[in-house]
């Protein structure tokens, strides 16, 4: 049985979607790490900083403390969606800590079955 939530999402998007939790790296350190691989089927994602250090994320491998989008520690998050961020949502995304290490939770919403 299809849930009302799944019906609403499918009606809005026009395709069935599914969430993907932590597809790549979850431990972030002072060296940039890939957290989301390029995926043209990804419609949106969130990155939650679960650690005690700020992190920076960005769609470039040289993300740093001065280049990227800052996510503060202890549960702050960033949300990227195709209706506002266009193609960027499907690009490779990287993360780095400002100092020390931090854990993240990443949840992406992807089109099931890929591009037709």
Protein backbone atom coordinates (compact mmCIF):
# COMPACT_ATOMS: atom_id res chain seq x y z
CA UNK A 1 0.00 0.00 0.00
CA UNK A 2 1.30 3.44 -0.93
CA UNK A 3 1.20 5.93 1.93
CA UNK A 4 -0.47 9.34 1.58
CA UNK A 5 2.98 10.93 1.99
CA UNK A 6 4.41 8.90 -0.90
CA UNK A 7 1.36 9.74 -3.02
CA UNK A 8 1.80 13.47 -2.35
CA UNK A 9 5.53 13.38 -3.16
CA UNK A 10 4.93 11.39 -6.36
CA UNK A 11 2.14 13.78 -7.41
CA UNK A 12 4.41 16.79 -6.82
CA UNK A 13 7.53 15.40 -8.48
CA UNK A 14 5.86 13.19 -11.06
CA UNK A 15 8.14 10.25 -10.22
CA UNK A 16 8.63 7.94 -7.26
CA UNK A 17 11.51 8.98 -4.99
CA UNK A 18 13.39 7.47 -2.07
CA UNK A 19 15.62 8.76 0.72
CA UNK A 20 19.29 7.76 0.91
CA UNK A 21 21.01 8.08 4.29
CA UNK A 22 24.77 8.71 4.61
CA UNK A 23 25.74 7.67 1.06
CA UNK A 24 29.45 8.47 1.54
CA UNK A 25 31.50 9.86 4.41
CA UNK A 26 30.17 10.59 7.92
CA UNK A 27 33.40 11.54 9.75
CA UNK A 28 34.69 14.95 8.70
CA UNK A 29 38.17 16.24 9.46
CA UNK A 30 40.48 19.10 8.45
CA UNK A 31 41.08 17.53 5.00
CA UNK A 32 38.15 17.85 2.53
CA UNK A 33 36.07 14.69 2.13
CA UNK A 34 33.50 13.73 -0.49
CA UNK A 35 30.08 13.53 1.18
CA UNK A 36 27.82 13.26 -1.91
CA UNK A 37 28.81 11.92 -5.34
CA UNK A 38 27.53 13.56 -8.51
CA UNK A 39 23.98 12.30 -9.03
CA UNK A 40 21.57 13.89 -11.54
CA UNK A 41 18.76 11.91 -9.88
CA UNK A 42 19.20 13.71 -6.54
CA UNK A 43 16.44 16.28 -5.96
CA UNK A 44 17.42 17.53 -2.51
CA UNK A 45 19.67 16.83 0.44
CA UNK A 46 20.33 17.88 4.00
CA UNK A 47 23.61 17.82 5.89
CA UNK A 48 23.39 17.87 9.69
CA UNK A 49 26.47 18.68 11.77
CA UNK A 50 26.34 16.30 14.74
CA UNK A 51 29.74 17.25 16.13
CA UNK A 52 31.20 20.00 18.28
CA UNK A 53 33.17 21.76 15.52
CA UNK A 54 31.83 23.93 12.68
CA UNK A 55 32.07 22.40 9.22
CA UNK A 56 32.10 23.87 5.73
CA UNK A 57 30.42 22.22 2.75
CA UNK A 58 30.62 23.05 -0.92
CA UNK A 59 30.34 21.66 -4.44
CA UNK A 60 34.10 21.84 -4.95
CA UNK A 61 36.99 19.64 -3.74
CA UNK A 62 38.94 22.57 -2.27
CA UNK A 63 36.27 23.50 0.27
CA UNK A 64 37.95 25.20 3.24
CA UNK A 65 37.33 27.34 6.31
CA UNK A 66 37.10 30.36 3.98
CA UNK A 67 35.41 28.73 0.97
CA UNK A 68 32.05 27.05 1.37
CA UNK A 69 28.83 27.12 3.31
CA UNK A 70 29.25 27.02 7.10
CA UNK A 71 27.24 24.60 9.22
CA UNK A 72 27.56 25.35 12.91
CA UNK A 73 28.05 22.53 15.46
CA UNK A 74 25.58 20.60 17.59
CA UNK A 75 22.80 19.90 15.13
CA UNK A 76 22.78 22.81 12.69
CA UNK A 77 22.05 21.84 9.11
CA UNK A 78 22.06 22.93 5.47
CA UNK A 79 19.35 22.11 2.95
CA UNK A 80 19.83 22.10 -0.83
CA UNK A 81 16.88 21.56 -3.22
CA UNK A 82 16.59 21.65 -7.01
CA UNK A 83 13.79 24.27 -7.02
CA UNK A 84 16.11 26.83 -5.43
CA UNK A 85 19.65 25.60 -6.08
CA UNK A 86 19.10 24.11 -9.56
CA UNK A 87 21.89 21.85 -10.89
CA UNK A 88 24.10 22.30 -7.80
CA UNK A 89 21.98 19.76 -5.91
CA UNK A 90 23.26 16.98 -8.20
CA UNK A 91 26.95 17.87 -8.13
CA UNK A 92 29.74 16.33 -6.02
CA UNK A 93 29.68 17.87 -2.52
CA UNK A 94 32.58 17.99 -0.08
CA UNK A 95 32.96 18.85 3.60
CA UNK A 96 35.78 19.90 5.91
CA UNK A 97 35.98 20.95 9.54
CA UNK A 98 37.22 24.36 10.57
CA UNK A 99 39.37 22.48 13.12
CA UNK A 100 39.36 19.08 14.78
CA UNK A 101 36.78 16.55 13.63
CA UNK A 102 33.02 16.31 13.41
CA UNK A 103 30.39 13.75 12.46
CA UNK A 104 27.60 14.46 10.01
CA UNK A 105 24.29 12.95 8.98
CA UNK A 106 23.46 13.31 5.28
CA UNK A 107 20.04 12.50 3.83
CA UNK A 108 19.40 12.80 0.10
CA UNK A 109 16.13 12.42 -1.81
CA UNK A 110 16.63 10.73 -5.17
CA UNK A 111 14.39 9.73 -8.06
CA UNK A 112 13.86 5.99 -7.92
CA UNK A 113 14.92 4.17 -11.07
CA UNK A 114 17.00 7.08 -12.36
CA UNK A 115 16.60 9.29 -15.37
CA UNK A 116 14.38 7.96 -18.12
